[in-house]
Structure formats: structure tokens, C-alpha cells
N, C-alpha and C. Protein backbone atom coordinates (compact mmCIF):
# COMPACT_ATOMS: atom_id res chain seq x y z
N MET A 1 184.38 84.02 218.19
CA MET A 1 185.00 82.75 217.91
C MET A 1 183.92 81.76 217.49
N THR A 2 184.16 81.08 216.40
CA THR A 2 183.29 80.00 215.97
C THR A 2 183.93 78.71 216.43
N ALA A 3 183.37 78.11 217.45
CA ALA A 3 183.96 76.92 218.05
C ALA A 3 183.58 75.68 217.26
N PRO A 4 184.53 74.76 217.11
CA PRO A 4 184.20 73.48 216.45
C PRO A 4 183.22 72.68 217.31
N TYR A 5 182.54 71.77 216.66
CA TYR A 5 181.50 70.99 217.33
C TYR A 5 182.02 70.28 218.57
N TRP A 6 183.29 69.87 218.57
CA TRP A 6 183.81 69.13 219.70
C TRP A 6 184.03 70.01 220.93
N LEU A 7 183.72 71.29 220.82
CA LEU A 7 183.74 72.18 221.98
C LEU A 7 182.33 72.48 222.49
N ASP A 8 181.33 71.82 221.91
CA ASP A 8 179.94 72.11 222.27
C ASP A 8 179.64 71.89 223.75
N ARG A 9 180.17 70.82 224.32
CA ARG A 9 179.89 70.55 225.74
C ARG A 9 180.47 71.66 226.61
N ALA A 10 181.70 72.04 226.33
CA ALA A 10 182.32 73.13 227.10
C ALA A 10 181.55 74.42 226.90
N ARG A 11 181.11 74.70 225.67
CA ARG A 11 180.32 75.91 225.38
C ARG A 11 179.02 75.89 226.17
N GLY A 12 178.39 74.74 226.24
CA GLY A 12 177.14 74.62 226.99
C GLY A 12 177.34 74.96 228.46
N TYR A 13 178.39 74.42 229.04
CA TYR A 13 178.68 74.74 230.44
C TYR A 13 179.00 76.22 230.62
N LEU A 14 179.74 76.79 229.69
CA LEU A 14 180.06 78.21 229.78
C LEU A 14 178.79 79.04 229.70
N ASP A 15 177.89 78.69 228.79
CA ASP A 15 176.63 79.42 228.66
C ASP A 15 175.81 79.36 229.95
N LEU A 16 175.98 78.30 230.72
CA LEU A 16 175.28 78.14 231.99
C LEU A 16 176.08 78.71 233.17
N THR A 17 177.18 79.38 232.86
CA THR A 17 178.13 79.93 233.85
C THR A 17 178.67 78.85 234.80
N MET A 18 178.81 77.66 234.27
CA MET A 18 179.40 76.55 235.03
C MET A 18 180.87 76.45 234.59
N TYR A 19 181.67 77.36 235.12
CA TYR A 19 183.05 77.53 234.65
C TYR A 19 183.94 76.32 234.92
N ASN A 20 183.83 75.75 236.10
CA ASN A 20 184.67 74.58 236.41
C ASN A 20 184.36 73.42 235.47
N GLU A 21 183.10 73.25 235.18
CA GLU A 21 182.70 72.16 234.28
C GLU A 21 183.17 72.43 232.86
N ALA A 22 183.08 73.69 232.44
CA ALA A 22 183.57 74.05 231.10
C ALA A 22 185.06 73.77 231.00
N TRP A 23 185.81 74.17 232.02
CA TRP A 23 187.25 73.95 232.04
C TRP A 23 187.57 72.46 232.04
N SER A 24 186.80 71.71 232.81
CA SER A 24 186.99 70.26 232.88
C SER A 24 186.79 69.61 231.52
N GLU A 25 185.80 70.08 230.77
CA GLU A 25 185.56 69.54 229.42
C GLU A 25 186.76 69.80 228.52
N LEU A 26 187.39 70.95 228.69
CA LEU A 26 188.58 71.25 227.88
C LEU A 26 189.73 70.32 228.24
N GLU A 27 189.84 70.00 229.52
CA GLU A 27 190.90 69.10 229.97
C GLU A 27 190.68 67.67 229.48
N LYS A 28 189.44 67.31 229.20
CA LYS A 28 189.11 65.96 228.72
C LYS A 28 189.39 65.77 227.23
N LEU A 29 189.63 66.86 226.53
CA LEU A 29 189.88 66.74 225.10
C LEU A 29 191.14 65.92 224.83
N PRO A 30 191.18 65.21 223.71
CA PRO A 30 192.39 64.46 223.37
C PRO A 30 193.56 65.43 223.18
N PRO A 31 194.76 64.97 223.46
CA PRO A 31 195.93 65.85 223.38
C PRO A 31 196.08 66.59 222.05
N ASP A 32 195.69 65.96 220.95
CA ASP A 32 195.85 66.62 219.65
C ASP A 32 194.90 67.81 219.49
N LYS A 33 193.87 67.89 220.30
CA LYS A 33 192.94 69.01 220.23
C LYS A 33 193.16 70.03 221.35
N ARG A 34 193.66 69.57 222.46
CA ARG A 34 193.78 70.40 223.66
C ARG A 34 194.61 71.66 223.45
N ASP A 35 195.61 71.58 222.59
CA ASP A 35 196.51 72.72 222.39
C ASP A 35 196.20 73.51 221.12
N ARG A 36 195.10 73.22 220.48
CA ARG A 36 194.74 73.96 219.27
C ARG A 36 194.37 75.40 219.62
N PRO A 37 194.55 76.32 218.69
CA PRO A 37 194.25 77.72 218.98
C PRO A 37 192.81 77.96 219.42
N GLU A 38 191.85 77.20 218.87
CA GLU A 38 190.46 77.39 219.25
C GLU A 38 190.23 77.08 220.72
N VAL A 39 190.94 76.06 221.21
CA VAL A 39 190.81 75.67 222.62
C VAL A 39 191.50 76.70 223.50
N ARG A 40 192.67 77.15 223.08
CA ARG A 40 193.36 78.19 223.84
C ARG A 40 192.51 79.45 223.93
N GLU A 41 191.87 79.81 222.83
CA GLU A 41 190.99 80.97 222.81
C GLU A 41 189.79 80.75 223.73
N PHE A 42 189.26 79.55 223.73
CA PHE A 42 188.13 79.23 224.58
C PHE A 42 188.51 79.33 226.05
N ARG A 43 189.72 78.89 226.38
CA ARG A 43 190.21 79.00 227.77
C ARG A 43 190.23 80.47 228.21
N ILE A 44 190.66 81.34 227.31
CA ILE A 44 190.68 82.78 227.61
C ILE A 44 189.27 83.26 227.90
N THR A 45 188.32 82.84 227.08
CA THR A 45 186.92 83.25 227.27
C THR A 45 186.39 82.79 228.62
N VAL A 46 186.71 81.57 229.00
CA VAL A 46 186.26 81.06 230.29
C VAL A 46 186.81 81.93 231.41
N ARG A 47 188.10 82.20 231.37
CA ARG A 47 188.72 82.99 232.44
C ARG A 47 188.17 84.42 232.47
N LEU A 48 187.94 85.01 231.31
CA LEU A 48 187.35 86.35 231.28
C LEU A 48 185.94 86.34 231.87
N ASP A 49 185.15 85.35 231.49
CA ASP A 49 183.79 85.27 232.01
C ASP A 49 183.78 85.05 233.52
N GLU A 50 184.81 84.40 234.03
CA GLU A 50 184.93 84.20 235.47
C GLU A 50 185.41 85.46 236.19
N GLY A 51 185.89 86.42 235.42
CA GLY A 51 186.45 87.62 236.02
C GLY A 51 187.90 87.46 236.43
N LYS A 52 188.55 86.45 235.90
CA LYS A 52 189.96 86.20 236.21
C LYS A 52 190.84 86.80 235.12
N THR A 53 190.90 88.13 235.13
CA THR A 53 191.54 88.88 234.06
C THR A 53 193.03 88.61 233.96
N GLU A 54 193.71 88.53 235.07
CA GLU A 54 195.16 88.28 235.02
C GLU A 54 195.47 86.90 234.45
N GLU A 55 194.67 85.90 234.83
CA GLU A 55 194.86 84.56 234.26
C GLU A 55 194.56 84.58 232.76
N ALA A 56 193.51 85.29 232.37
CA ALA A 56 193.18 85.40 230.95
C ALA A 56 194.32 86.07 230.20
N LEU A 57 194.91 87.10 230.78
CA LEU A 57 196.03 87.79 230.14
C LEU A 57 197.21 86.83 229.94
N ALA A 58 197.50 86.02 230.93
CA ALA A 58 198.60 85.05 230.79
C ALA A 58 198.31 84.07 229.65
N LEU A 59 197.07 83.62 229.55
CA LEU A 59 196.68 82.71 228.47
C LEU A 59 196.78 83.40 227.11
N CYS A 60 196.47 84.69 227.08
CA CYS A 60 196.61 85.46 225.83
C CYS A 60 198.07 85.50 225.39
N GLY A 61 198.96 85.69 226.35
CA GLY A 61 200.39 85.71 226.02
C GLY A 61 200.84 84.40 225.40
N ILE A 62 200.34 83.30 225.93
CA ILE A 62 200.68 81.98 225.38
C ILE A 62 200.12 81.84 223.96
N LEU A 63 198.86 82.24 223.77
CA LEU A 63 198.25 82.16 222.44
C LEU A 63 199.02 83.01 221.44
N CYS A 64 199.39 84.23 221.83
CA CYS A 64 200.16 85.10 220.94
C CYS A 64 201.51 84.48 220.58
N SER A 65 202.15 83.85 221.55
CA SER A 65 203.46 83.25 221.30
C SER A 65 203.38 82.03 220.40
N LEU A 66 202.42 81.15 220.68
CA LEU A 66 202.32 79.90 219.93
C LEU A 66 201.59 80.04 218.59
N HIS A 67 200.66 80.98 218.54
CA HIS A 67 199.83 81.14 217.33
C HIS A 67 199.66 82.62 217.03
N PRO A 68 200.72 83.30 216.62
CA PRO A 68 200.62 84.75 216.40
C PRO A 68 199.66 85.13 215.28
N GLU A 69 199.30 84.18 214.45
CA GLU A 69 198.34 84.46 213.38
C GLU A 69 196.90 84.52 213.92
N ASN A 70 196.69 84.05 215.14
CA ASN A 70 195.37 84.06 215.76
C ASN A 70 195.17 85.42 216.43
N HIS A 71 194.23 86.16 215.91
CA HIS A 71 194.02 87.53 216.38
C HIS A 71 193.49 87.61 217.81
N ALA A 72 192.84 86.57 218.28
CA ALA A 72 192.20 86.61 219.60
C ALA A 72 193.20 86.88 220.72
N GLY A 73 194.39 86.34 220.60
CA GLY A 73 195.38 86.58 221.65
C GLY A 73 195.69 88.05 221.81
N PHE A 74 195.74 88.76 220.71
CA PHE A 74 196.04 90.19 220.74
C PHE A 74 194.82 91.01 221.16
N ILE A 75 193.67 90.70 220.59
CA ILE A 75 192.44 91.43 220.90
C ILE A 75 192.08 91.25 222.38
N GLN A 76 192.02 90.00 222.81
CA GLN A 76 191.65 89.72 224.20
C GLN A 76 192.74 90.15 225.17
N GLY A 77 193.99 89.99 224.76
CA GLY A 77 195.09 90.44 225.63
C GLY A 77 195.04 91.93 225.86
N ALA A 78 194.76 92.69 224.81
CA ALA A 78 194.64 94.14 224.95
C ALA A 78 193.46 94.48 225.85
N TYR A 79 192.36 93.77 225.68
CA TYR A 79 191.20 93.99 226.55
C TYR A 79 191.59 93.76 228.02
N CYS A 80 192.31 92.69 228.27
CA CYS A 80 192.74 92.39 229.64
C CYS A 80 193.62 93.50 230.20
N LEU A 81 194.57 93.94 229.41
CA LEU A 81 195.46 95.01 229.86
C LEU A 81 194.66 96.27 230.18
N HIS A 82 193.73 96.63 229.32
CA HIS A 82 192.89 97.80 229.56
C HIS A 82 192.08 97.63 230.85
N ALA A 83 191.50 96.45 231.02
CA ALA A 83 190.71 96.18 232.23
C ALA A 83 191.55 96.25 233.49
N LEU A 84 192.83 95.98 233.36
CA LEU A 84 193.76 96.04 234.50
C LEU A 84 194.35 97.43 234.68
N GLY A 85 193.86 98.40 233.91
CA GLY A 85 194.34 99.77 234.02
C GLY A 85 195.62 100.05 233.27
N ARG A 86 195.97 99.18 232.36
CA ARG A 86 197.21 99.31 231.58
C ARG A 86 196.85 99.60 230.12
N THR A 87 196.14 100.70 229.91
CA THR A 87 195.59 101.02 228.60
C THR A 87 196.67 101.31 227.57
N GLU A 88 197.73 101.98 227.95
CA GLU A 88 198.81 102.22 226.98
C GLU A 88 199.44 100.91 226.54
N ASP A 89 199.59 99.98 227.47
CA ASP A 89 200.11 98.65 227.11
C ASP A 89 199.14 97.92 226.18
N ALA A 90 197.84 98.15 226.39
CA ALA A 90 196.83 97.52 225.53
C ALA A 90 197.01 97.98 224.09
N ILE A 91 197.22 99.27 223.90
CA ILE A 91 197.44 99.81 222.56
C ILE A 91 198.70 99.23 221.95
N GLU A 92 199.76 99.15 222.75
CA GLU A 92 201.02 98.58 222.25
C GLU A 92 200.85 97.14 221.82
N LEU A 93 200.12 96.36 222.61
CA LEU A 93 199.91 94.95 222.25
C LEU A 93 199.14 94.84 220.94
N LEU A 94 198.08 95.60 220.81
CA LEU A 94 197.30 95.55 219.56
C LEU A 94 198.18 95.91 218.37
N GLN A 95 198.95 96.97 218.51
CA GLN A 95 199.77 97.42 217.39
C GLN A 95 200.94 96.49 217.10
N ALA A 96 201.28 95.64 218.05
CA ALA A 96 202.34 94.65 217.84
C ALA A 96 201.82 93.38 217.16
N GLY A 97 200.51 93.29 216.99
CA GLY A 97 199.92 92.10 216.38
C GLY A 97 200.26 91.99 214.91
N PRO A 98 199.89 90.88 214.30
CA PRO A 98 200.19 90.66 212.89
C PRO A 98 199.48 91.69 212.01
N GLU A 99 200.03 91.95 210.86
CA GLU A 99 199.45 92.93 209.94
C GLU A 99 198.00 92.59 209.60
N THR A 100 197.68 91.31 209.55
CA THR A 100 196.31 90.89 209.21
C THR A 100 195.29 91.32 210.26
N LEU A 101 195.74 91.66 211.44
CA LEU A 101 194.85 92.15 212.48
C LEU A 101 194.15 93.43 212.05
N ARG A 102 194.82 94.19 211.20
CA ARG A 102 194.26 95.45 210.71
C ARG A 102 193.13 95.26 209.70
N ASP A 103 192.85 94.01 209.37
CA ASP A 103 191.70 93.69 208.52
C ASP A 103 190.42 93.52 209.35
N GLU A 104 190.56 93.60 210.66
CA GLU A 104 189.44 93.38 211.57
C GLU A 104 188.91 94.71 212.09
N PRO A 105 187.63 95.00 211.90
CA PRO A 105 187.09 96.27 212.42
C PRO A 105 187.19 96.38 213.94
N VAL A 106 187.17 95.25 214.63
CA VAL A 106 187.28 95.28 216.09
C VAL A 106 188.64 95.84 216.53
N TYR A 107 189.66 95.66 215.72
CA TYR A 107 190.98 96.22 216.01
C TYR A 107 190.87 97.74 216.17
N PHE A 108 190.26 98.40 215.19
CA PHE A 108 190.13 99.85 215.23
C PHE A 108 189.12 100.30 216.29
N TYR A 109 188.08 99.53 216.46
CA TYR A 109 187.07 99.84 217.47
C TYR A 109 187.71 99.84 218.86
N ASN A 110 188.48 98.81 219.15
CA ASN A 110 189.12 98.74 220.47
C ASN A 110 190.14 99.85 220.65
N LEU A 111 190.89 100.17 219.59
CA LEU A 111 191.81 101.30 219.69
C LEU A 111 191.05 102.57 220.04
N ALA A 112 189.89 102.76 219.45
CA ALA A 112 189.06 103.93 219.76
C ALA A 112 188.70 103.95 221.25
N CYS A 113 188.27 102.83 221.76
CA CYS A 113 187.91 102.75 223.18
C CYS A 113 189.10 103.13 224.07
N TYR A 114 190.26 102.61 223.73
CA TYR A 114 191.44 102.86 224.55
C TYR A 114 191.89 104.31 224.47
N GLU A 115 191.78 104.90 223.28
CA GLU A 115 192.17 106.31 223.13
C GLU A 115 191.22 107.23 223.91
N VAL A 116 189.94 106.92 223.92
CA VAL A 116 189.00 107.70 224.73
C VAL A 116 189.40 107.61 226.19
N ALA A 117 189.72 106.41 226.65
CA ALA A 117 190.12 106.23 228.05
C ALA A 117 191.37 107.04 228.39
N LEU A 118 192.23 107.25 227.41
CA LEU A 118 193.45 108.02 227.63
C LEU A 118 193.24 109.53 227.40
N GLY A 119 192.00 109.91 227.12
CA GLY A 119 191.70 111.32 226.93
C GLY A 119 192.14 111.87 225.58
N LYS A 120 192.12 111.02 224.56
CA LYS A 120 192.51 111.42 223.20
C LYS A 120 191.33 111.23 222.25
N PRO A 121 190.33 112.13 222.34
CA PRO A 121 189.12 111.93 221.53
C PRO A 121 189.33 112.01 220.03
N GLN A 122 190.24 112.85 219.56
CA GLN A 122 190.45 112.95 218.10
C GLN A 122 191.04 111.67 217.54
N ALA A 123 192.03 111.12 218.22
CA ALA A 123 192.60 109.84 217.78
C ALA A 123 191.54 108.75 217.84
N ALA A 124 190.74 108.77 218.89
CA ALA A 124 189.69 107.77 219.05
C ALA A 124 188.68 107.86 217.91
N LEU A 125 188.31 109.06 217.55
CA LEU A 125 187.34 109.24 216.47
C LEU A 125 187.89 108.74 215.14
N THR A 126 189.16 108.96 214.91
CA THR A 126 189.79 108.45 213.68
C THR A 126 189.69 106.93 213.63
N TRP A 127 190.04 106.26 214.73
CA TRP A 127 189.98 104.80 214.77
C TRP A 127 188.54 104.32 214.63
N LEU A 128 187.63 104.99 215.32
CA LEU A 128 186.23 104.55 215.26
C LEU A 128 185.67 104.68 213.85
N ARG A 129 186.00 105.75 213.18
CA ARG A 129 185.52 105.93 211.80
C ARG A 129 186.05 104.82 210.89
N LEU A 130 187.30 104.42 211.07
CA LEU A 130 187.84 103.31 210.28
C LEU A 130 187.06 102.03 210.55
N SER A 131 186.77 101.79 211.80
CA SER A 131 186.01 100.59 212.17
C SER A 131 184.65 100.58 211.49
N VAL A 132 183.96 101.73 211.54
CA VAL A 132 182.62 101.83 210.96
C VAL A 132 182.68 101.72 209.43
N GLU A 133 183.72 102.25 208.83
CA GLU A 133 183.87 102.11 207.37
C GLU A 133 184.00 100.65 206.97
N MET A 134 184.64 99.87 207.80
CA MET A 134 184.84 98.46 207.51
C MET A 134 183.57 97.64 207.75
N ASP A 135 182.79 98.05 208.75
CA ASP A 135 181.57 97.31 209.10
C ASP A 135 180.60 98.29 209.78
N ARG A 136 179.53 98.58 209.08
CA ARG A 136 178.54 99.56 209.56
C ARG A 136 177.93 99.19 210.91
N HIS A 137 177.93 97.93 211.27
CA HIS A 137 177.37 97.51 212.56
C HIS A 137 178.11 98.14 213.74
N TYR A 138 179.35 98.51 213.51
CA TYR A 138 180.13 99.11 214.59
C TYR A 138 179.63 100.51 214.94
N ARG A 139 178.90 101.14 214.05
CA ARG A 139 178.32 102.44 214.37
C ARG A 139 177.25 102.28 215.45
N GLU A 140 176.36 101.31 215.25
CA GLU A 140 175.31 101.04 216.24
C GLU A 140 175.93 100.63 217.57
N ARG A 141 176.93 99.82 217.48
CA ARG A 141 177.62 99.35 218.69
C ARG A 141 178.24 100.54 219.44
N ALA A 142 178.87 101.44 218.69
CA ALA A 142 179.52 102.60 219.30
C ALA A 142 178.50 103.52 219.97
N LEU A 143 177.36 103.70 219.32
CA LEU A 143 176.33 104.58 219.88
C LEU A 143 175.79 104.05 221.21
N ALA A 144 175.86 102.74 221.42
CA ALA A 144 175.37 102.14 222.65
C ALA A 144 176.47 101.87 223.67
N ASP A 145 177.71 102.10 223.30
CA ASP A 145 178.85 101.76 224.16
C ASP A 145 179.20 102.92 225.07
N PRO A 146 179.06 102.74 226.38
CA PRO A 146 179.39 103.83 227.30
C PRO A 146 180.86 104.25 227.23
N ASP A 147 181.73 103.34 226.83
CA ASP A 147 183.15 103.68 226.69
C ASP A 147 183.39 104.71 225.59
N LEU A 148 182.45 104.80 224.65
CA LEU A 148 182.62 105.71 223.51
C LEU A 148 181.62 106.87 223.54
N ALA A 149 180.93 107.04 224.64
CA ALA A 149 179.90 108.08 224.74
C ALA A 149 180.45 109.47 224.42
N ALA A 150 181.69 109.72 224.78
CA ALA A 150 182.28 111.05 224.57
C ALA A 150 182.46 111.41 223.10
N ILE A 151 182.53 110.39 222.22
CA ILE A 151 182.78 110.68 220.80
C ILE A 151 181.72 110.14 219.86
N ALA A 152 180.84 109.28 220.33
CA ALA A 152 179.89 108.60 219.45
C ALA A 152 179.01 109.58 218.68
N GLU A 153 178.66 110.69 219.30
CA GLU A 153 177.80 111.67 218.64
C GLU A 153 178.46 112.26 217.39
N ALA A 154 179.78 112.26 217.34
CA ALA A 154 180.52 112.84 216.21
C ALA A 154 180.56 111.92 215.00
N LEU A 155 180.06 110.74 215.12
CA LEU A 155 180.08 109.80 213.98
C LEU A 155 179.25 110.26 212.82
């Protein structure tokens, strides 16, 4: 996420792991900014960094409902579901996202991670290869990702 300048104070607090202060800065924003997708996405990031996965998931649901064109609600929501042990639901959420989500290499990368977790290495490898075709940096990322250790060598 590329945050607008008016989120700099909240970003600074988040970088310092001062979660309450980061959240407070978001609450201080004027009403016309408080409900923007960038702020909603930032709220999700704060909750994830705090380890509050269920709260982050609820915020993802709101972002998906209000701003379905914003990919973060689907990407982060799927991550939350996977972290909560609901990997099949994570795949369903990703695949329910807008068609434009398929323009993002992270979409296919995350599908690969989830398929490995479900014991489907061939499906995972297919998704991972698509991700790498879209952006070569995902190959390096996959080679270092313990979630993909079972298939990374096949790249």
C-alpha cells in the first residue's frame, strides 16, 4: 500500500509498533478521509501487525463490501482466513474478488501458498509459475518462503 502523506503520522507510529497511537491518528483524521479505502486498508495493517487476525478479517469484510475494487480487502482477508486455519475459505475469497485482482502476481502467489497448505503441490506450482511469469521477483520470494519450500525447487 502506498499511503498518502496525511497518513505519515500513523505510519510512523506503526513502524515503531505503537499500535494504539497509530490507531488514534486514524481516528483524528477528518471524516472525509477516515472512510477512504487507504485508511480502511491501513486499519487492517495495524490489526494484523498487532496479531488481531479476527479483527483484521472483519475490517477486510467491510473493505470488500464498500470498495470491492480495492484488492487489499480480498488479499488480506484471504491471508486472515488462512492464518485462522480456514485455507479453503481463503481460496474462495480470493477467487470471489474482482477480475482485476488477477492482474496482481500476489493473487497467484497466495493461491500457491494456500494450495501447498492443502496438500495440492501441482495446483500450487501452476499458480506459482503464473505469479513468477508476471513478476520475476516472486521467484526469489518463493525460494525464501518456508510456506513454499515443498515446491520452490521445481521452479
